[in-house]
Amino acid sequence: MDDGYNNGKAVVLCTESFTLDEVILLKKVLESKLELIVKIHNRKSSTGKLGYRLYISSQSHEKLLSLVKPHFIPSMNYKLSL
């Protein structure tokens, strides 16, 4: 619940600690199993290291909410714009 945030209606998962191959695999799983629209964005840290974040499209916001809302603790609902 803590390694992400909402960006308008899009949700960003902070996956910089994963390799690009791992991020691609996670993207494919989110798309094929959960039918979410997901994009990978490059992100350069303050030290110059390149990482990758997953952006779950605003078009998938309602679907994502229906999947995760029952499992969220109330203090973290702001992560989903609730």
N, C-alpha and C. Protein backbone atom coordinates (compact mmCIF):
# COMPACT_ATOMS: atom_id res chain seq x y z
N MET A 1 0.80 -1.20 0.00
CA MET A 1 0.00 0.00 0.00
C MET A 1 0.85 1.26 0.00
N ASP A 2 2.08 1.14 0.43
CA ASP A 2 2.86 2.35 0.64
C ASP A 2 3.77 2.72 -0.53
N ASP A 3 4.07 1.79 -1.41
CA ASP A 3 5.01 2.09 -2.50
C ASP A 3 4.29 2.54 -3.76
N GLY A 4 3.50 3.59 -3.61
CA GLY A 4 2.79 4.15 -4.74
C GLY A 4 2.00 5.37 -4.32
N TYR A 5 1.36 5.98 -5.31
CA TYR A 5 0.55 7.17 -5.04
C TYR A 5 -0.38 7.41 -6.20
N ASN A 6 -1.37 8.27 -5.98
CA ASN A 6 -2.25 8.63 -7.08
C ASN A 6 -1.71 9.88 -7.75
N ASN A 7 -1.94 9.95 -9.03
CA ASN A 7 -1.49 11.08 -9.84
C ASN A 7 -2.71 11.51 -10.64
N GLY A 8 -3.57 12.30 -10.01
CA GLY A 8 -4.88 12.55 -10.61
C GLY A 8 -5.70 11.29 -10.41
N LYS A 9 -6.16 10.69 -11.47
CA LYS A 9 -6.88 9.41 -11.37
C LYS A 9 -5.98 8.23 -11.71
N ALA A 10 -4.78 8.49 -12.19
CA ALA A 10 -3.83 7.40 -12.45
C ALA A 10 -3.18 7.01 -11.13
N VAL A 11 -2.73 5.77 -11.05
CA VAL A 11 -2.02 5.29 -9.87
C VAL A 11 -0.62 4.91 -10.29
N VAL A 12 0.37 5.36 -9.53
CA VAL A 12 1.77 5.10 -9.82
C VAL A 12 2.29 4.09 -8.80
N LEU A 13 2.91 3.03 -9.29
CA LEU A 13 3.56 2.05 -8.43
C LEU A 13 5.06 2.29 -8.52
N CYS A 14 5.69 2.52 -7.38
CA CYS A 14 7.12 2.81 -7.34
C CYS A 14 7.90 1.50 -7.35
N THR A 15 8.31 1.11 -8.53
CA THR A 15 8.95 -0.19 -8.74
C THR A 15 10.42 -0.04 -9.14
N GLU A 16 11.04 1.06 -8.71
CA GLU A 16 12.44 1.32 -9.09
C GLU A 16 13.41 0.26 -8.59
N SER A 17 13.06 -0.47 -7.56
CA SER A 17 13.98 -1.48 -7.03
C SER A 17 13.96 -2.77 -7.85
N PHE A 18 13.06 -2.86 -8.82
CA PHE A 18 12.98 -4.03 -9.69
C PHE A 18 13.76 -3.80 -10.97
N THR A 19 14.21 -4.89 -11.58
CA THR A 19 14.88 -4.79 -12.88
C THR A 19 13.83 -4.49 -13.95
N LEU A 20 14.27 -4.05 -15.11
CA LEU A 20 13.34 -3.78 -16.21
C LEU A 20 12.58 -5.05 -16.57
N ASP A 21 13.25 -6.19 -16.62
CA ASP A 21 12.56 -7.46 -16.94
C ASP A 21 11.47 -7.77 -15.94
N GLU A 22 11.73 -7.51 -14.66
CA GLU A 22 10.73 -7.76 -13.62
C GLU A 22 9.54 -6.81 -13.75
N VAL A 23 9.82 -5.55 -14.08
CA VAL A 23 8.75 -4.57 -14.25
C VAL A 23 7.90 -4.93 -15.46
N ILE A 24 8.52 -5.38 -16.53
CA ILE A 24 7.79 -5.81 -17.72
C ILE A 24 6.90 -7.01 -17.38
N LEU A 25 7.42 -7.95 -16.62
CA LEU A 25 6.63 -9.12 -16.22
C LEU A 25 5.43 -8.69 -15.38
N LEU A 26 5.64 -7.81 -14.42
CA LEU A 26 4.55 -7.31 -13.59
C LEU A 26 3.50 -6.59 -14.43
N LYS A 27 3.95 -5.79 -15.37
CA LYS A 27 3.03 -5.09 -16.28
C LYS A 27 2.17 -6.09 -17.04
N LYS A 28 2.80 -7.13 -17.58
CA LYS A 28 2.06 -8.13 -18.35
C LYS A 28 1.03 -8.85 -17.49
N VAL A 29 1.39 -9.14 -16.26
CA VAL A 29 0.45 -9.82 -15.35
C VAL A 29 -0.73 -8.91 -15.02
N LEU A 30 -0.46 -7.65 -14.71
CA LEU A 30 -1.54 -6.71 -14.41
C LEU A 30 -2.48 -6.53 -15.60
N GLU A 31 -1.92 -6.56 -16.79
CA GLU A 31 -2.74 -6.41 -18.00
C GLU A 31 -3.53 -7.67 -18.31
N SER A 32 -2.88 -8.82 -18.27
CA SER A 32 -3.54 -10.06 -18.69
C SER A 32 -4.47 -10.63 -17.63
N LYS A 33 -4.07 -10.60 -16.38
CA LYS A 33 -4.89 -11.20 -15.32
C LYS A 33 -5.95 -10.25 -14.77
N LEU A 34 -5.62 -8.97 -14.68
CA LEU A 34 -6.54 -8.01 -14.07
C LEU A 34 -7.17 -7.05 -15.07
N GLU A 35 -6.72 -7.12 -16.32
CA GLU A 35 -7.25 -6.29 -17.41
C GLU A 35 -7.12 -4.80 -17.12
N LEU A 36 -5.97 -4.41 -16.57
CA LEU A 36 -5.67 -3.01 -16.31
C LEU A 36 -4.83 -2.44 -17.45
N ILE A 37 -4.92 -1.15 -17.67
CA ILE A 37 -4.09 -0.46 -18.66
C ILE A 37 -2.88 0.08 -17.91
N VAL A 38 -1.70 -0.42 -18.28
CA VAL A 38 -0.48 -0.11 -17.53
C VAL A 38 0.61 0.35 -18.49
N LYS A 39 1.36 1.35 -18.07
CA LYS A 39 2.51 1.84 -18.84
C LYS A 39 3.74 1.85 -17.96
N ILE A 40 4.89 1.72 -18.58
CA ILE A 40 6.17 1.81 -17.87
C ILE A 40 6.79 3.16 -18.17
N HIS A 41 7.20 3.87 -17.12
CA HIS A 41 7.89 5.15 -17.28
C HIS A 41 9.28 5.05 -16.69
N ASN A 42 10.25 5.62 -17.38
CA ASN A 42 11.62 5.72 -16.85
C ASN A 42 11.65 6.78 -15.77
N ARG A 43 12.48 6.55 -14.77
CA ARG A 43 12.62 7.55 -13.70
C ARG A 43 14.07 7.56 -13.25
N LYS A 44 14.69 8.70 -13.37
CA LYS A 44 16.09 8.85 -12.95
C LYS A 44 16.11 9.38 -11.52
N SER A 45 16.83 8.70 -10.64
CA SER A 45 16.92 9.14 -9.25
C SER A 45 17.86 10.33 -9.13
N SER A 46 17.92 10.90 -7.94
CA SER A 46 18.80 12.05 -7.71
C SER A 46 20.27 11.68 -7.86
N THR A 47 20.57 10.37 -7.75
CA THR A 47 21.96 9.92 -7.94
C THR A 47 22.26 9.59 -9.39
N GLY A 48 21.25 9.70 -10.25
CA GLY A 48 21.44 9.42 -11.67
C GLY A 48 21.11 8.00 -12.08
N LYS A 49 20.73 7.15 -11.12
CA LYS A 49 20.40 5.76 -11.43
C LYS A 49 19.03 5.71 -12.11
N LEU A 50 18.94 4.94 -13.19
CA LEU A 50 17.69 4.80 -13.93
C LEU A 50 16.84 3.71 -13.30
N GLY A 51 15.56 4.00 -13.07
CA GLY A 51 14.61 3.03 -12.56
C GLY A 51 13.34 3.09 -13.38
N TYR A 52 12.39 2.25 -13.02
CA TYR A 52 11.15 2.14 -13.80
C TYR A 52 9.96 2.13 -12.86
N ARG A 53 8.93 2.89 -13.24
CA ARG A 53 7.69 2.93 -12.48
C ARG A 53 6.55 2.47 -13.36
N LEU A 54 5.57 1.85 -12.73
CA LEU A 54 4.36 1.44 -13.42
C LEU A 54 3.27 2.47 -13.19
N TYR A 55 2.63 2.90 -14.27
CA TYR A 55 1.51 3.82 -14.20
C TYR A 55 0.26 3.07 -14.62
N ILE A 56 -0.69 2.98 -13.71
CA ILE A 56 -1.98 2.36 -14.03
C ILE A 56 -2.90 3.50 -14.49
N SER A 57 -3.34 3.40 -15.71
CA SER A 57 -4.07 4.46 -16.38
C SER A 57 -5.34 4.87 -15.63
N SER A 58 -5.70 6.13 -15.79
CA SER A 58 -6.95 6.62 -15.22
C SER A 58 -8.15 5.85 -15.79
N GLN A 59 -8.00 5.30 -16.99
CA GLN A 59 -9.06 4.49 -17.58
C GLN A 59 -9.31 3.21 -16.79
N SER A 60 -8.34 2.78 -16.02
CA SER A 60 -8.46 1.57 -15.21
C SER A 60 -8.75 1.86 -13.74
N HIS A 61 -8.97 3.13 -13.41
CA HIS A 61 -9.12 3.53 -12.02
C HIS A 61 -10.26 2.80 -11.31
N GLU A 62 -11.44 2.78 -11.90
CA GLU A 62 -12.58 2.12 -11.27
C GLU A 62 -12.34 0.62 -11.09
N LYS A 63 -11.77 -0.01 -12.08
CA LYS A 63 -11.46 -1.44 -12.00
C LYS A 63 -10.45 -1.70 -10.88
N LEU A 64 -9.40 -0.87 -10.82
CA LEU A 64 -8.39 -1.02 -9.78
C LEU A 64 -9.02 -0.85 -8.40
N LEU A 65 -9.87 0.17 -8.25
CA LEU A 65 -10.54 0.40 -6.96
C LEU A 65 -11.35 -0.82 -6.54
N SER A 66 -12.09 -1.39 -7.46
CA SER A 66 -12.92 -2.55 -7.11
C SER A 66 -12.07 -3.74 -6.68
N LEU A 67 -10.85 -3.84 -7.20
CA LEU A 67 -9.97 -4.95 -6.85
C LEU A 67 -9.27 -4.76 -5.51
N VAL A 68 -8.83 -3.55 -5.22
CA VAL A 68 -7.98 -3.36 -4.04
C VAL A 68 -8.67 -2.72 -2.84
N LYS A 69 -9.75 -1.99 -3.06
CA LYS A 69 -10.39 -1.26 -1.97
C LYS A 69 -10.75 -2.16 -0.78
N PRO A 70 -11.26 -3.37 -0.98
CA PRO A 70 -11.61 -4.20 0.17
C PRO A 70 -10.40 -4.59 1.03
N HIS A 71 -9.20 -4.45 0.50
CA HIS A 71 -8.00 -4.87 1.21
C HIS A 71 -7.21 -3.71 1.81
N PHE A 72 -7.63 -2.48 1.53
CA PHE A 72 -6.91 -1.30 2.02
C PHE A 72 -7.33 -0.96 3.44
N ILE A 73 -6.34 -0.58 4.25
CA ILE A 73 -6.68 -0.07 5.56
C ILE A 73 -7.08 1.39 5.39
N PRO A 74 -8.02 1.88 6.20
CA PRO A 74 -8.57 3.23 5.99
C PRO A 74 -7.52 4.34 5.93
N SER A 75 -6.46 4.24 6.69
CA SER A 75 -5.46 5.32 6.70
C SER A 75 -4.70 5.43 5.38
N MET A 76 -4.80 4.44 4.53
CA MET A 76 -4.11 4.47 3.25
C MET A 76 -5.03 4.78 2.07
N ASN A 77 -6.30 5.02 2.32
CA ASN A 77 -7.26 5.29 1.23
C ASN A 77 -6.86 6.50 0.39
N TYR A 78 -6.14 7.44 0.96
CA TYR A 78 -5.73 8.63 0.18
C TYR A 78 -4.86 8.23 -1.01
N LYS A 79 -4.20 7.08 -0.93
CA LYS A 79 -3.37 6.61 -2.04
C LYS A 79 -4.19 6.34 -3.29
N LEU A 80 -5.49 6.10 -3.08
CA LEU A 80 -6.39 5.80 -4.19
C LEU A 80 -7.37 6.94 -4.48
N SER A 81 -7.07 8.10 -3.96
CA SER A 81 -7.94 9.28 -4.12
C SER A 81 -9.31 9.07 -3.48
N LEU A 82 -9.35 8.38 -2.37
CA LEU A 82 -10.63 8.16 -1.66
C LEU A 82 -10.78 9.13 -0.53
